[in-house]
Amino acid sequence: MSVQFIDEFDKVARMVNDIAREKGWWDKERNDGEAIALMHSELSEALEAMRKDLMSEKIQGYTGVEEELADVIIRIMDFAVGRNLDVSRAIIEKIEFNKGRERMHGGKRF
């Protein structure tokens, strides 16, 4: 399961990065802080879509939340490939770590 996830995630991430490069997003040196801020902005857009119960205006049949969460993942994939970050394996390792955590991480409210 995890090997298949890693392989597929990495394959899609390379495709996402290829598209971003083709569209000119990597023509100049990318600023890491700006890239992370753009990831955050997609989450803010997901929250706004949730608050207003919006449907996607760009991909038919999906909610605005679904679209914006997809944008977050796309931006993460692009950044990970562009910066040679091993996010796919980190996801698997973090899931394994979380399995051993206490319920609600030891009593956190949220």
PDB file of N, CA and C in Angstrom:
ATOM      1  N   MET A   1       0.826  -1.201   0.000  1.00  0.00           N
ATOM      2  CA  MET A   1       0.000   0.000   0.000  1.00  0.00           C
ATOM      3  C   MET A   1       0.863   1.254   0.000  1.00  0.00           C
ATOM      4  N   SER A   2       1.787   1.357   0.912  1.00  0.00           N
ATOM      5  CA  SER A   2       2.568   2.589   1.005  1.00  0.00           C
ATOM      6  C   SER A   2       3.485   2.772  -0.199  1.00  0.00           C
ATOM      7  N   VAL A   3       4.057   1.672  -0.721  1.00  0.00           N
ATOM      8  CA  VAL A   3       4.919   1.788  -1.907  1.00  0.00           C
ATOM      9  C   VAL A   3       4.102   2.262  -3.099  1.00  0.00           C
ATOM     10  N   GLN A   4       2.902   1.724  -3.259  1.00  0.00           N
ATOM     11  CA  GLN A   4       2.033   2.144  -4.355  1.00  0.00           C
ATOM     12  C   GLN A   4       1.660   3.622  -4.207  1.00  0.00           C
ATOM     13  N   PHE A   5       1.320   4.050  -3.002  1.00  0.00           N
ATOM     14  CA  PHE A   5       0.990   5.456  -2.755  1.00  0.00           C
ATOM     15  C   PHE A   5       2.162   6.348  -3.122  1.00  0.00           C
ATOM     16  N   ILE A   6       3.351   5.993  -2.642  1.00  0.00           N
ATOM     17  CA  ILE A   6       4.554   6.798  -2.907  1.00  0.00           C
ATOM     18  C   ILE A   6       4.798   6.903  -4.410  1.00  0.00           C
ATOM     19  N   ASP A   7       4.743   5.784  -5.104  1.00  0.00           N
ATOM     20  CA  ASP A   7       4.984   5.787  -6.549  1.00  0.00           C
ATOM     21  C   ASP A   7       3.971   6.668  -7.283  1.00  0.00           C
ATOM     22  N   GLU A   8       2.696   6.511  -6.957  1.00  0.00           N
ATOM     23  CA  GLU A   8       1.656   7.282  -7.637  1.00  0.00           C
ATOM     24  C   GLU A   8       1.719   8.761  -7.270  1.00  0.00           C
ATOM     25  N   PHE A   9       1.930   9.060  -5.995  1.00  0.00           N
ATOM     26  CA  PHE A   9       2.047  10.451  -5.547  1.00  0.00           C
ATOM     27  C   PHE A   9       3.188  11.126  -6.286  1.00  0.00           C
ATOM     28  N   ASP A  10       4.348  10.466  -6.315  1.00  0.00           N
ATOM     29  CA  ASP A  10       5.520  11.046  -6.975  1.00  0.00           C
ATOM     30  C   ASP A  10       5.298  11.231  -8.467  1.00  0.00           C
ATOM     31  N   LYS A  11       4.617  10.286  -9.101  1.00  0.00           N
ATOM     32  CA  LYS A  11       4.317  10.382 -10.534  1.00  0.00           C
ATOM     33  C   LYS A  11       3.427  11.601 -10.812  1.00  0.00           C
ATOM     34  N   VAL A  12       2.382  11.754 -10.015  1.00  0.00           N
ATOM     35  CA  VAL A  12       1.474  12.890 -10.196  1.00  0.00           C
ATOM     36  C   VAL A  12       2.192  14.194  -9.864  1.00  0.00           C
ATOM     37  N   ALA A  13       3.003  14.191  -8.814  1.00  0.00           N
ATOM     38  CA  ALA A  13       3.736  15.404  -8.427  1.00  0.00           C
ATOM     39  C   ALA A  13       4.669  15.861  -9.547  1.00  0.00           C
ATOM     40  N   ARG A  14       5.347  14.931 -10.200  1.00  0.00           N
ATOM     41  CA  ARG A  14       6.219  15.299 -11.325  1.00  0.00           C
ATOM     42  C   ARG A  14       5.397  15.889 -12.472  1.00  0.00           C
ATOM     43  N   MET A  15       4.209  15.321 -12.728  1.00  0.00           N
ATOM     44  CA  MET A  15       3.334  15.846 -13.771  1.00  0.00           C
ATOM     45  C   MET A  15       2.888  17.273 -13.425  1.00  0.00           C
ATOM     46  N   VAL A  16       2.507  17.490 -12.176  1.00  0.00           N
ATOM     47  CA  VAL A  16       2.080  18.812 -11.710  1.00  0.00           C
ATOM     48  C   VAL A  16       3.218  19.818 -11.900  1.00  0.00           C
ATOM     49  N   ASN A  17       4.422  19.435 -11.519  1.00  0.00           N
ATOM     50  CA  ASN A  17       5.575  20.315 -11.664  1.00  0.00           C
ATOM     51  C   ASN A  17       5.876  20.587 -13.132  1.00  0.00           C
ATOM     52  N   ASP A  18       5.755  19.572 -13.989  1.00  0.00           N
ATOM     53  CA  ASP A  18       5.962  19.764 -15.427  1.00  0.00           C
ATOM     54  C   ASP A  18       4.972  20.789 -15.984  1.00  0.00           C
ATOM     55  N   ILE A  19       3.720  20.689 -15.568  1.00  0.00           N
ATOM     56  CA  ILE A  19       2.699  21.642 -16.025  1.00  0.00           C
ATOM     57  C   ILE A  19       3.029  23.042 -15.533  1.00  0.00           C
ATOM     58  N   ALA A  20       3.405  23.168 -14.263  1.00  0.00           N
ATOM     59  CA  ALA A  20       3.739  24.484 -13.703  1.00  0.00           C
ATOM     60  C   ALA A  20       4.918  25.107 -14.448  1.00  0.00           C
ATOM     61  N   ARG A  21       5.906  24.305 -14.763  1.00  0.00           N
ATOM     62  CA  ARG A  21       7.061  24.810 -15.519  1.00  0.00           C
ATOM     63  C   ARG A  21       6.644  25.221 -16.927  1.00  0.00           C
ATOM     64  N   GLU A  22       5.816  24.401 -17.561  1.00  0.00           N
ATOM     65  CA  GLU A  22       5.327  24.707 -18.907  1.00  0.00           C
ATOM     66  C   GLU A  22       4.549  26.020 -18.927  1.00  0.00           C
ATOM     67  N   LYS A  23       3.824  26.301 -17.848  1.00  0.00           N
ATOM     68  CA  LYS A  23       3.011  27.509 -17.765  1.00  0.00           C
ATOM     69  C   LYS A  23       3.804  28.717 -17.259  1.00  0.00           C
ATOM     70  N   GLY A  24       5.099  28.543 -17.034  1.00  0.00           N
ATOM     71  CA  GLY A  24       5.967  29.670 -16.706  1.00  0.00           C
ATOM     72  C   GLY A  24       6.178  29.968 -15.237  1.00  0.00           C
ATOM     73  N   TRP A  25       5.615  29.147 -14.344  1.00  0.00           N
ATOM     74  CA  TRP A  25       5.712  29.433 -12.918  1.00  0.00           C
ATOM     75  C   TRP A  25       7.107  29.228 -12.346  1.00  0.00           C
ATOM     76  N   TRP A  26       7.974  28.567 -13.088  1.00  0.00           N
ATOM     77  CA  TRP A  26       9.348  28.361 -12.625  1.00  0.00           C
ATOM     78  C   TRP A  26      10.362  29.106 -13.490  1.00  0.00           C
ATOM     79  N   ASP A  27       9.893  30.057 -14.326  1.00  0.00           N
ATOM     80  CA  ASP A  27      10.816  30.798 -15.195  1.00  0.00           C
ATOM     81  C   ASP A  27      11.822  31.619 -14.389  1.00  0.00           C
ATOM     82  N   LYS A  28      11.397  32.145 -13.270  1.00  0.00           N
ATOM     83  CA  LYS A  28      12.310  32.863 -12.386  1.00  0.00           C
ATOM     84  C   LYS A  28      12.450  32.055 -11.097  1.00  0.00           C
ATOM     85  N   GLU A  29      13.474  32.338 -10.341  1.00  0.00           N
ATOM     86  CA  GLU A  29      13.684  31.625  -9.075  1.00  0.00           C
ATOM     87  C   GLU A  29      12.467  31.815  -8.181  1.00  0.00           C
ATOM     88  N   ARG A  30      11.921  30.711  -7.700  1.00  0.00           N
ATOM     89  CA  ARG A  30      10.745  30.763  -6.832  1.00  0.00           C
ATOM     90  C   ARG A  30      11.164  31.126  -5.414  1.00  0.00           C
ATOM     91  N   ASN A  31      10.394  31.978  -4.798  1.00  0.00           N
ATOM     92  CA  ASN A  31      10.598  32.357  -3.405  1.00  0.00           C
ATOM     93  C   ASN A  31       9.836  31.361  -2.533  1.00  0.00           C
ATOM     94  N   ASP A  32      10.560  30.672  -1.644  1.00  0.00           N
ATOM     95  CA  ASP A  32       9.924  29.628  -0.837  1.00  0.00           C
ATOM     96  C   ASP A  32       8.820  30.174   0.064  1.00  0.00           C
ATOM     97  N   GLY A  33       9.045  31.332   0.644  1.00  0.00           N
ATOM     98  CA  GLY A  33       8.026  31.924   1.509  1.00  0.00           C
ATOM     99  C   GLY A  33       6.760  32.256   0.743  1.00  0.00           C
ATOM    100  N   GLU A  34       6.930  32.788  -0.459  1.00  0.00           N
ATOM    101  CA  GLU A  34       5.783  33.094  -1.308  1.00  0.00           C
ATOM    102  C   GLU A  34       5.039  31.820  -1.688  1.00  0.00           C
ATOM    103  N   ALA A  35       5.773  30.770  -2.003  1.00  0.00           N
ATOM    104  CA  ALA A  35       5.142  29.499  -2.379  1.00  0.00           C
ATOM    105  C   ALA A  35       4.305  28.952  -1.227  1.00  0.00           C
ATOM    106  N   ILE A  36       4.838  29.019  -0.018  1.00  0.00           N
ATOM    107  CA  ILE A  36       4.095  28.528   1.147  1.00  0.00           C
ATOM    108  C   ILE A  36       2.897  29.434   1.437  1.00  0.00           C
ATOM    109  N   ALA A  37       3.063  30.740   1.266  1.00  0.00           N
ATOM    110  CA  ALA A  37       1.938  31.659   1.453  1.00  0.00           C
ATOM    111  C   ALA A  37       0.815  31.352   0.457  1.00  0.00           C
ATOM    112  N   LEU A  38       1.177  30.980  -0.767  1.00  0.00           N
ATOM    113  CA  LEU A  38       0.153  30.629  -1.760  1.00  0.00           C
ATOM    114  C   LEU A  38      -0.569  29.336  -1.375  1.00  0.00           C
ATOM    115  N   MET A  39       0.153  28.389  -0.760  1.00  0.00           N
ATOM    116  CA  MET A  39      -0.506  27.183  -0.252  1.00  0.00           C
ATOM    117  C   MET A  39      -1.536  27.577   0.804  1.00  0.00           C
ATOM    118  N   HIS A  40      -1.110  28.457   1.685  1.00  0.00           N
ATOM    119  CA  HIS A  40      -1.990  28.937   2.747  1.00  0.00           C
ATOM    120  C   HIS A  40      -3.205  29.660   2.163  1.00  0.00           C
ATOM    121  N   SER A  41      -2.994  30.444   1.115  1.00  0.00           N
ATOM    122  CA  SER A  41      -4.112  31.183   0.524  1.00  0.00           C
ATOM    123  C   SER A  41      -5.166  30.235  -0.040  1.00  0.00           C
ATOM    124  N   GLU A  42      -4.730  29.090  -0.552  1.00  0.00           N
ATOM    125  CA  GLU A  42      -5.698  28.104  -1.047  1.00  0.00           C
ATOM    126  C   GLU A  42      -6.542  27.561   0.105  1.00  0.00           C
ATOM    127  N   LEU A  43      -5.935  27.360   1.273  1.00  0.00           N
ATOM    128  CA  LEU A  43      -6.702  26.924   2.450  1.00  0.00           C
ATOM    129  C   LEU A  43      -7.706  27.994   2.865  1.00  0.00           C
ATOM    130  N   SER A  44      -7.301  29.266   2.804  1.00  0.00           N
ATOM    131  CA  SER A  44      -8.224  30.358   3.121  1.00  0.00           C
ATOM    132  C   SER A  44      -9.388  30.377   2.137  1.00  0.00           C
ATOM    133  N   GLU A  45      -9.097  30.110   0.866  1.00  0.00           N
ATOM    134  CA  GLU A  45     -10.165  30.050  -0.129  1.00  0.00           C
ATOM    135  C   GLU A  45     -11.099  28.871   0.144  1.00  0.00           C
ATOM    136  N   ALA A  46     -10.562  27.754   0.628  1.00  0.00           N
ATOM    137  CA  ALA A  46     -11.406  26.609   0.988  1.00  0.00           C
ATOM    138  C   ALA A  46     -12.328  26.977   2.149  1.00  0.00           C
ATOM    139  N   LEU A  47     -11.792  27.680   3.127  1.00  0.00           N
ATOM    140  CA  LEU A  47     -12.608  28.112   4.264  1.00  0.00           C
ATOM    141  C   LEU A  47     -13.727  29.039   3.797  1.00  0.00           C
ATOM    142  N   GLU A  48     -13.402  29.971   2.918  1.00  0.00           N
ATOM    143  CA  GLU A  48     -14.415  30.901   2.414  1.00  0.00           C
ATOM    144  C   GLU A  48     -15.478  30.166   1.605  1.00  0.00           C
ATOM    145  N   ALA A  49     -15.061  29.195   0.801  1.00  0.00           N
ATOM    146  CA  ALA A  49     -16.029  28.394   0.042  1.00  0.00           C
ATOM    147  C   ALA A  49     -16.942  27.621   0.981  1.00  0.00           C
ATOM    148  N   MET A  50     -16.386  27.138   2.091  1.00  0.00           N
ATOM    149  CA  MET A  50     -17.187  26.411   3.080  1.00  0.00           C
ATOM    150  C   MET A  50     -18.178  27.360   3.756  1.00  0.00           C
ATOM    151  N   ARG A  51     -17.698  28.527   4.140  1.00  0.00           N
ATOM    152  CA  ARG A  51     -18.562  29.499   4.826  1.00  0.00           C
ATOM    153  C   ARG A  51     -19.741  29.911   3.959  1.00  0.00           C
ATOM    154  N   LYS A  52     -19.502  30.019   2.648  1.00  0.00           N
ATOM    155  CA  LYS A  52     -20.539  30.484   1.729  1.00  0.00           C
ATOM    156  C   LYS A  52     -21.240  29.344   0.998  1.00  0.00           C
ATOM    157  N   ASP A  53     -20.857  28.099   1.311  1.00  0.00           N
ATOM    158  CA  ASP A  53     -21.438  26.917   0.681  1.00  0.00           C
ATOM    159  C   ASP A  53     -21.391  27.015  -0.848  1.00  0.00           C
ATOM    160  N   LEU A  54     -20.183  27.336  -1.356  1.00  0.00           N
ATOM    161  CA  LEU A  54     -20.002  27.555  -2.787  1.00  0.00           C
ATOM    162  C   LEU A  54     -19.685  26.273  -3.534  1.00  0.00           C
ATOM    163  N   MET A  55     -20.156  26.222  -4.759  1.00  0.00           N
ATOM    164  CA  MET A  55     -19.746  25.170  -5.691  1.00  0.00           C
ATOM    165  C   MET A  55     -18.553  25.700  -6.478  1.00  0.00           C
ATOM    166  N   SER A  56     -17.764  24.781  -7.006  1.00  0.00           N
ATOM    167  CA  SER A  56     -16.633  25.173  -7.844  1.00  0.00           C
ATOM    168  C   SER A  56     -17.136  25.860  -9.106  1.00  0.00           C
ATOM    169  N   GLU A  57     -16.476  26.926  -9.487  1.00  0.00           N
ATOM    170  CA  GLU A  57     -16.801  27.607 -10.743  1.00  0.00           C
ATOM    171  C   GLU A  57     -15.920  27.096 -11.875  1.00  0.00           C
ATOM    172  N   LYS A  58     -14.905  26.294 -11.550  1.00  0.00           N
ATOM    173  CA  LYS A  58     -13.928  25.863 -12.550  1.00  0.00           C
ATOM    174  C   LYS A  58     -14.041  24.389 -12.920  1.00  0.00           C
ATOM    175  N   ILE A  59     -14.430  23.556 -11.972  1.00  0.00           N
ATOM    176  CA  ILE A  59     -14.562  22.127 -12.254  1.00  0.00           C
ATOM    177  C   ILE A  59     -15.973  21.682 -11.853  1.00  0.00           C
ATOM    178  N   GLN A  60     -16.741  21.338 -12.840  1.00  0.00           N
ATOM    179  CA  GLN A  60     -18.148  21.011 -12.649  1.00  0.00           C
ATOM    180  C   GLN A  60     -18.328  19.778 -11.758  1.00  0.00           C
ATOM    181  N   GLY A  61     -19.321  19.859 -10.888  1.00  0.00           N
ATOM    182  CA  GLY A  61     -19.684  18.726 -10.052  1.00  0.00           C
ATOM    183  C   GLY A  61     -18.917  18.646  -8.743  1.00  0.00           C
ATOM    184  N   TYR A  62     -18.119  19.656  -8.435  1.00  0.00           N
ATOM    185  CA  TYR A  62     -17.338  19.658  -7.198  1.00  0.00           C
ATOM    186  C   TYR A  62     -17.651  20.913  -6.403  1.00  0.00           C
ATOM    187  N   THR A  63     -17.506  20.802  -5.090  1.00  0.00           N
ATOM    188  CA  THR A  63     -17.698  21.972  -4.245  1.00  0.00           C
ATOM    189  C   THR A  63     -16.464  22.861  -4.330  1.00  0.00           C
ATOM    190  N   GLY A  64     -16.637  24.091  -3.904  1.00  0.00           N
ATOM    191  CA  GLY A  64     -15.506  25.005  -3.824  1.00  0.00           C
ATOM    192  C   GLY A  64     -14.454  24.489  -2.861  1.00  0.00           C
ATOM    193  N   VAL A  65     -14.891  23.838  -1.791  1.00  0.00           N
ATOM    194  CA  VAL A  65     -13.950  23.269  -0.820  1.00  0.00           C
ATOM    195  C   VAL A  65     -13.096  22.198  -1.494  1.00  0.00           C
ATOM    196  N   GLU A  66     -13.724  21.313  -2.239  1.00  0.00           N
ATOM    197  CA  GLU A  66     -12.980  20.255  -2.937  1.00  0.00           C
ATOM    198  C   GLU A  66     -11.956  20.861  -3.904  1.00  0.00           C
ATOM    199  N   GLU A  67     -12.389  21.849  -4.658  1.00  0.00           N
ATOM    200  CA  GLU A  67     -11.478  22.483  -5.618  1.00  0.00           C
ATOM    201  C   GLU A  67     -10.286  23.123  -4.917  1.00  0.00           C
ATOM    202  N   GLU A  68     -10.549  23.879  -3.865  1.00  0.00           N
ATOM    203  CA  GLU A  68      -9.464  24.594  -3.186  1.00  0.00           C
ATOM    204  C   GLU A  68      -8.520  23.637  -2.458  1.00  0.00           C
ATOM    205  N   LEU A  69      -9.057  22.557  -1.875  1.00  0.00           N
ATOM    206  CA  LEU A  69      -8.179  21.563  -1.253  1.00  0.00           C
ATOM    207  C   LEU A  69      -7.308  20.889  -2.316  1.00  0.00           C
ATOM    208  N   ALA A  70      -7.887  20.656  -3.496  1.00  0.00           N
ATOM    209  CA  ALA A  70      -7.086  20.119  -4.602  1.00  0.00           C
ATOM    210  C   ALA A  70      -5.966  21.092  -4.951  1.00  0.00           C
ATOM    211  N   ASP A  71      -6.284  22.391  -4.972  1.00  0.00           N
ATOM    212  CA  ASP A  71      -5.256  23.396  -5.263  1.00  0.00           C
ATOM    213  C   ASP A  71      -4.127  23.364  -4.231  1.00  0.00           C
ATOM    214  N   VAL A  72      -4.475  23.171  -2.962  1.00  0.00           N
ATOM    215  CA  VAL A  72      -3.442  23.076  -1.908  1.00  0.00           C
ATOM    216  C   VAL A  72      -2.501  21.916  -2.219  1.00  0.00           C
ATOM    217  N   ILE A  73      -3.073  20.769  -2.508  1.00  0.00           N
ATOM    218  CA  ILE A  73      -2.261  19.575  -2.771  1.00  0.00           C
ATOM    219  C   ILE A  73      -1.416  19.758  -4.026  1.00  0.00           C
ATOM    220  N   ILE A  74      -2.006  20.360  -5.053  1.00  0.00           N
ATOM    221  CA  ILE A  74      -1.253  20.631  -6.285  1.00  0.00           C
ATOM    222  C   ILE A  74      -0.069  21.544  -5.999  1.00  0.00           C
ATOM    223  N   ARG A  75      -0.295  22.593  -5.238  1.00  0.00           N
ATOM    224  CA  ARG A  75       0.804  23.510  -4.906  1.00  0.00           C
ATOM    225  C   ARG A  75       1.882  22.800  -4.078  1.00  0.00           C
ATOM    226  N   ILE A  76       1.474  21.954  -3.154  1.00  0.00           N
ATOM    227  CA  ILE A  76       2.441  21.201  -2.341  1.00  0.00           C
ATOM    228  C   ILE A  76       3.249  20.262  -3.227  1.00  0.00           C
ATOM    229  N   MET A  77       2.567  19.557  -4.121  1.00  0.00           N
ATOM    230  CA  MET A  77       3.271  18.641  -5.023  1.00  0.00           C
ATOM    231  C   MET A  77       4.287  19.391  -5.882  1.00  0.00           C
ATOM    232  N   ASP A  78       3.865  20.502  -6.460  1.00  0.00           N
ATOM    233  CA  ASP A  78       4.748  21.298  -7.307  1.00  0.00           C
ATOM    234  C   ASP A  78       5.977  21.748  -6.525  1.00  0.00           C
ATOM    235  N   PHE A  79       5.754  22.289  -5.345  1.00  0.00           N
ATOM    236  CA  PHE A  79       6.843  22.772  -4.499  1.00  0.00           C
ATOM    237  C   PHE A  79       7.784  21.630  -4.105  1.00  0.00           C
ATOM    238  N   ALA A  80       7.194  20.493  -3.747  1.00  0.00           N
ATOM    239  CA  ALA A  80       8.006  19.341  -3.322  1.00  0.00           C
ATOM    240  C   ALA A  80       8.949  18.893  -4.440  1.00  0.00           C
ATOM    241  N   VAL A  81       8.438  18.800  -5.650  1.00  0.00           N
ATOM    242  CA  VAL A  81       9.296  18.403  -6.773  1.00  0.00           C
ATOM    243  C   VAL A  81      10.328  19.492  -7.044  1.00  0.00           C
ATOM    244  N   GLY A  82       9.885  20.739  -7.059  1.00  0.00           N
ATOM    245  CA  GLY A  82      10.789  21.850  -7.350  1.00  0.00           C
ATOM    246  C   GLY A  82      11.918  21.996  -6.353  1.00  0.00           C
ATOM    247  N   ARG A  83      11.678  21.586  -5.120  1.00  0.00           N
ATOM    248  CA  ARG A  83      12.697  21.701  -4.062  1.00  0.00           C
ATOM    249  C   ARG A  83      13.263  20.343  -3.654  1.00  0.00           C
ATOM    250  N   ASN A  84      12.910  19.302  -4.423  1.00  0.00           N
ATOM    251  CA  ASN A  84      13.420  17.948  -4.171  1.00  0.00           C
ATOM    252  C   ASN A  84      13.124  17.484  -2.741  1.00  0.00           C
ATOM    253  N   LEU A  85      11.889  17.676  -2.323  1.00  0.00           N
ATOM    254  CA  LEU A  85      11.443  17.263  -0.993  1.00  0.00           C
ATOM    255  C   LEU A  85      10.706  15.936  -1.102  1.00  0.00           C
ATOM    256  N   ASP A  86      10.958  15.039  -0.187  1.00  0.00           N
ATOM    257  CA  ASP A  86      10.377  13.691  -0.221  1.00  0.00           C
ATOM    258  C   ASP A  86       9.075  13.658   0.575  1.00  0.00           C
ATOM    259  N   VAL A  87       8.087  14.382   0.092  1.00  0.00           N
ATOM    260  CA  VAL A  87       6.813  14.530   0.799  1.00  0.00           C
ATOM    261  C   VAL A  87       6.033  13.220   0.825  1.00  0.00           C
ATOM    262  N   SER A  88       6.074  12.448  -0.252  1.00  0.00           N
ATOM    263  CA  SER A  88       5.295  11.204  -0.286  1.00  0.00           C
ATOM    264  C   SER A  88       5.704  10.264   0.842  1.00  0.00           C
ATOM    265  N   ARG A  89       6.987  10.081   1.024  1.00  0.00           N
ATOM    266  CA  ARG A  89       7.452   9.204   2.105  1.00  0.00           C
ATOM    267  C   ARG A  89       7.226   9.836   3.476  1.00  0.00           C
ATOM    268  N   ALA A  90       7.347  11.145   3.551  1.00  0.00           N
ATOM    269  CA  ALA A  90       7.087  11.838   4.814  1.00  0.00           C
ATOM    270  C   ALA A  90       5.631  11.646   5.243  1.00  0.00           C
ATOM    271  N   ILE A  91       4.710  11.626   4.276  1.00  0.00           N
ATOM    272  CA  ILE A  91       3.292  11.386   4.590  1.00  0.00           C
ATOM    273  C   ILE A  91       3.129  10.016   5.233  1.00  0.00           C
ATOM    274  N   ILE A  92       3.723   8.998   4.627  1.00  0.00           N
ATOM    275  CA  ILE A  92       3.627   7.640   5.167  1.00  0.00           C
ATOM    276  C   ILE A  92       4.235   7.567   6.555  1.00  0.00           C
ATOM    277  N   GLU A  93       5.407   8.159   6.742  1.00  0.00           N
ATOM    278  CA  GLU A  93       6.066   8.146   8.053  1.00  0.00           C
ATOM    279  C   GLU A  93       5.235   8.882   9.097  1.00  0.00           C
ATOM    280  N   LYS A  94       4.638   9.994   8.704  1.00  0.00           N
ATOM    281  CA  LYS A  94       3.828  10.768   9.650  1.00  0.00           C
ATOM    282  C   LYS A  94       2.556  10.009  10.036  1.00  0.00           C
ATOM    283  N   ILE A  95       1.955   9.312   9.087  1.00  0.00           N
ATOM    284  CA  ILE A  95       0.788   8.480   9.398  1.00  0.00           C
ATOM    285  C   ILE A  95       1.170   7.414  10.422  1.00  0.00           C
ATOM    286  N   GLU A  96       2.298   6.764  10.200  1.00  0.00           N
ATOM    287  CA  GLU A  96       2.767   5.739  11.140  1.00  0.00           C
ATOM    288  C   GLU A  96       3.017   6.339  12.513  1.00  0.00           C
ATOM    289  N   PHE A  97       3.631   7.511  12.551  1.00  0.00           N
ATOM    290  CA  PHE A  97       3.867   8.196  13.825  1.00  0.00           C
ATOM    291  C   PHE A  97       2.546   8.495  14.535  1.00  0.00           C
ATOM    292  N   ASN A  98       1.568   9.019  13.768  1.00  0.00           N
ATOM    293  CA  ASN A  98       0.275   9.389  14.357  1.00  0.00           C
ATOM    294  C   ASN A  98      -0.476   8.194  14.924  1.00  0.00           C
ATOM    295  N   LYS A  99      -0.255   7.009  14.367  1.00  0.00           N
ATOM    296  CA  LYS A  99      -0.899   5.804  14.906  1.00  0.00           C
ATOM    297  C   LYS A  99      -0.542   5.581  16.364  1.00  0.00           C
ATOM    298  N   GLY A 100       0.651   5.978  16.771  1.00  0.00           N
ATOM    299  CA  GLY A 100       1.108   5.761  18.139  1.00  0.00           C
ATOM    300  C   GLY A 100       0.825   6.900  19.094  1.00  0.00           C
ATOM    301  N   ARG A 101       0.203   7.958  18.619  1.00  0.00           N
ATOM    302  CA  ARG A 101      -0.075   9.108  19.488  1.00  0.00           C
ATOM    303  C   ARG A 101      -1.261   8.821  20.405  1.00  0.00           C
ATOM    304  N   GLU A 102      -1.292   9.551  21.492  1.00  0.00           N
ATOM    305  CA  GLU A 102      -2.420   9.447  22.418  1.00  0.00           C
ATOM    306  C   GLU A 102      -3.675  10.035  21.766  1.00  0.00           C
ATOM    307  N   ARG A 103      -4.821   9.607  22.271  1.00  0.00           N
ATOM    308  CA  ARG A 103      -6.081  10.169  21.803  1.00  0.00           C
ATOM    309  C   ARG A 103      -6.055  11.681  21.984  1.00  0.00           C
ATOM    310  N   MET A 104      -6.461  12.383  20.953  1.00  0.00           N
ATOM    311  CA  MET A 104      -6.467  13.849  20.928  1.00  0.00           C
ATOM    312  C   MET A 104      -5.093  14.419  21.342  1.00  0.00           C
ATOM    313  N   HIS A 105      -4.055  13.647  21.003  1.00  0.00           N
ATOM    314  CA  HIS A 105      -2.668  14.035  21.271  1.00  0.00           C
ATOM    315  C   HIS A 105      -2.441  14.377  22.742  1.00  0.00           C
ATOM    316  N   GLY A 106      -3.098  13.653  23.617  1.00  0.00           N
ATOM    317  CA  GLY A 106      -2.894  13.840  25.042  1.00  0.00           C
ATOM    318  C   GLY A 106      -3.816  14.860  25.680  1.00  0.00           C
ATOM    319  N   GLY A 107      -4.899  15.196  25.029  1.00  0.00           N
ATOM    320  CA  GLY A 107      -5.894  16.068  25.650  1.00  0.00           C
ATOM    321  C   GLY A 107      -6.020  17.454  25.037  1.00  0.00           C
ATOM    322  N   LYS A 108      -5.465  17.665  23.852  1.00  0.00           N
ATOM    323  CA  LYS A 108      -5.625  18.964  23.207  1.00  0.00           C
ATOM    324  C   LYS A 108      -7.094  19.166  22.836  1.00  0.00           C
ATOM    325  N   ARG A 109      -7.550  20.398  22.919  1.00  0.00           N
ATOM    326  CA  ARG A 109      -8.954  20.712  22.613  1.00  0.00           C
ATOM    327  C   ARG A 109      -9.218  20.712  21.119  1.00  0.00           C
ATOM    328  N   PHE A 110      -8.235  21.109  20.320  1.00  0.00           N
ATOM    329  CA  PHE A 110      -8.379  21.134  18.855  1.00  0.00           C
ATOM    330  C   PHE A 110      -7.016  21.150  18.219  1.00  0.00           C
TER     331      PHE A 110
END
